[in-house]
Protein backbone atom coordinates (compact mmCIF):
# COMPACT_ATOMS: atom_id res chain seq x y z
CA UNK A 1 0.03 -0.14 -0.10
CA UNK A 2 1.04 3.44 -0.55
CA UNK A 3 -0.35 6.75 1.03
CA UNK A 4 -0.11 9.98 -0.63
CA UNK A 5 -0.68 13.42 0.92
CA UNK A 6 -1.15 16.43 -1.31
CA UNK A 7 -0.72 19.79 0.36
CA UNK A 8 -0.33 23.55 -1.52
CA UNK A 9 -3.67 24.16 -3.21
CA UNK A 10 -5.33 27.23 -2.41
CA UNK A 11 -7.04 30.73 -4.20
CA UNK A 12 -4.67 32.56 -6.60
CA UNK A 13 -5.06 35.46 -9.05
CA UNK A 14 -4.87 34.76 -12.73
CA UNK A 15 -0.81 35.04 -13.87
CA UNK A 16 -0.22 33.80 -10.48
CA UNK A 17 1.98 30.89 -8.81
CA UNK A 18 1.38 27.99 -6.95
CA UNK A 19 3.61 24.98 -5.83
CA UNK A 20 1.66 21.83 -5.05
CA UNK A 21 3.60 18.65 -3.06
CA UNK A 22 2.53 15.11 -2.87
CA UNK A 23 4.40 13.39 0.14
CA UNK A 24 4.70 9.43 -0.38
CA UNK A 25 4.67 6.83 2.17
CA UNK A 26 4.32 2.91 2.67
CA UNK A 27 5.56 0.54 0.18
CA UNK A 28 7.29 3.06 -2.13
CA UNK A 29 10.25 1.03 -3.21
CA UNK A 30 8.32 -0.16 -6.24
CA UNK A 31 6.65 3.35 -7.44
CA UNK A 32 7.79 3.33 -10.96
CA UNK A 33 5.73 6.77 -11.96
CA UNK A 34 4.28 9.57 -10.33
CA UNK A 35 2.14 12.50 -11.57
CA UNK A 36 -0.24 15.03 -10.99
CA UNK A 37 -4.03 14.63 -12.52
CA UNK A 38 -6.73 17.32 -12.05
CA UNK A 39 -10.64 17.33 -12.54
CA UNK A 40 -12.84 20.52 -13.15
CA UNK A 41 -16.51 20.62 -12.37
CA UNK A 42 -18.54 18.67 -15.06
CA UNK A 43 -15.08 17.53 -16.57
CA UNK A 44 -13.27 13.96 -16.87
CA UNK A 45 -9.95 13.95 -14.77
CA UNK A 46 -6.82 14.40 -16.90
CA UNK A 47 -3.34 13.83 -16.85
CA UNK A 48 -1.49 17.27 -16.09
CA UNK A 49 1.65 16.21 -15.18
CA UNK A 50 3.82 12.85 -14.91
CA UNK A 51 7.62 11.65 -13.70
CA UNK A 52 8.99 8.31 -14.19
CA UNK A 53 11.55 6.86 -11.71
CA UNK A 54 14.35 7.63 -14.27
CA UNK A 55 13.51 11.33 -14.44
CA UNK A 56 11.16 11.46 -17.57
CA UNK A 57 8.36 13.84 -17.54
CA UNK A 58 5.66 14.23 -19.43
CA UNK A 59 3.12 17.06 -19.61
CA UNK A 60 -0.75 17.80 -21.18
CA UNK A 61 -0.36 20.47 -23.99
CA UNK A 62 -2.60 23.05 -21.97
CA UNK A 63 0.35 23.48 -19.09
CA UNK A 64 3.68 22.67 -21.13
CA UNK A 65 6.04 25.87 -20.71
CA UNK A 66 3.92 26.71 -17.48
CA UNK A 67 3.85 23.82 -14.91
CA UNK A 68 7.10 21.68 -14.05
CA UNK A 69 7.20 18.86 -12.32
CA UNK A 70 9.70 17.34 -10.05
CA UNK A 71 10.67 14.92 -7.56
CA UNK A 72 12.86 14.67 -4.23
CA UNK A 73 13.64 11.22 -3.73
CA UNK A 74 14.96 11.74 -0.40
CA UNK A 75 11.87 12.95 1.07
CA UNK A 76 9.74 10.83 -1.26
CA UNK A 77 8.09 13.63 -2.67
CA UNK A 78 6.38 14.80 -5.50
CA UNK A 79 5.98 18.64 -6.72
CA UNK A 80 4.04 20.76 -9.33
CA UNK A 81 5.27 24.10 -9.97
CA UNK A 82 2.65 25.96 -11.56
CA UNK A 83 3.19 29.65 -13.07
CA UNK A 84 1.25 31.92 -15.16
CA UNK A 85 -1.82 30.30 -13.95
CA UNK A 86 -5.11 30.69 -15.77
CA UNK A 87 -9.07 30.54 -14.76
CA UNK A 88 -8.87 27.27 -16.26
CA UNK A 89 -6.19 25.88 -14.31
CA UNK A 90 -9.29 25.83 -11.78
CA UNK A 91 -9.70 22.23 -10.53
CA UNK A 92 -8.75 19.78 -7.77
CA UNK A 93 -5.49 18.50 -8.23
CA UNK A 94 -5.10 14.51 -7.35
CA UNK A 95 -1.60 13.32 -6.76
CA UNK A 96 -0.98 9.65 -8.51
CA UNK A 97 1.44 6.93 -8.07
CA UNK A 98 1.94 3.87 -10.15
CA UNK A 99 3.09 0.39 -9.40
CA UNK A 100 2.96 -2.93 -11.00
CA UNK A 101 0.52 -4.10 -9.06
CA UNK A 102 -1.74 -0.90 -8.65
CA UNK A 103 -2.58 2.64 -9.11
CA UNK A 104 -2.79 5.24 -5.82
CA UNK A 105 -4.31 8.65 -5.47
CA UNK A 106 -4.21 11.21 -2.81
CA UNK A 107 -7.43 12.99 -1.74
CA UNK A 108 -6.99 15.99 -3.73
CA UNK A 109 -6.47 19.81 -3.32
CA UNK A 110 -8.40 22.39 -4.33
CA UNK A 111 -6.87 25.22 -6.84
CA UNK A 112 -8.60 28.11 -7.98
CA UNK A 113 -7.39 30.75 -9.71
CA UNK A 114 -9.77 33.84 -9.94
CA UNK A 115 -9.60 37.51 -9.21
């Protein structure tokens, strides 16, 4: 089992920045990829960014150049730095961890971009 705890969401004005954190604990030794997904009201959950254990990253087209995913292996934590935020980035953001035997989700953190 893997436990994921997100933090860092909140209310920010358009053009502002936020950094989300996801701390993993439990059976983390076999995690091969972690990522961030988001779900806006009335929409399906979508991939925002992902990073493999080898450091390869992948981003949704809508966030390329604005968001950066990174990981601190010593702290078992993945970060999502979000810059130049737009109202359409408003959503609940979920941390995700993948193992061969299963996929795990955090509880979600709300990000609201509004003036």
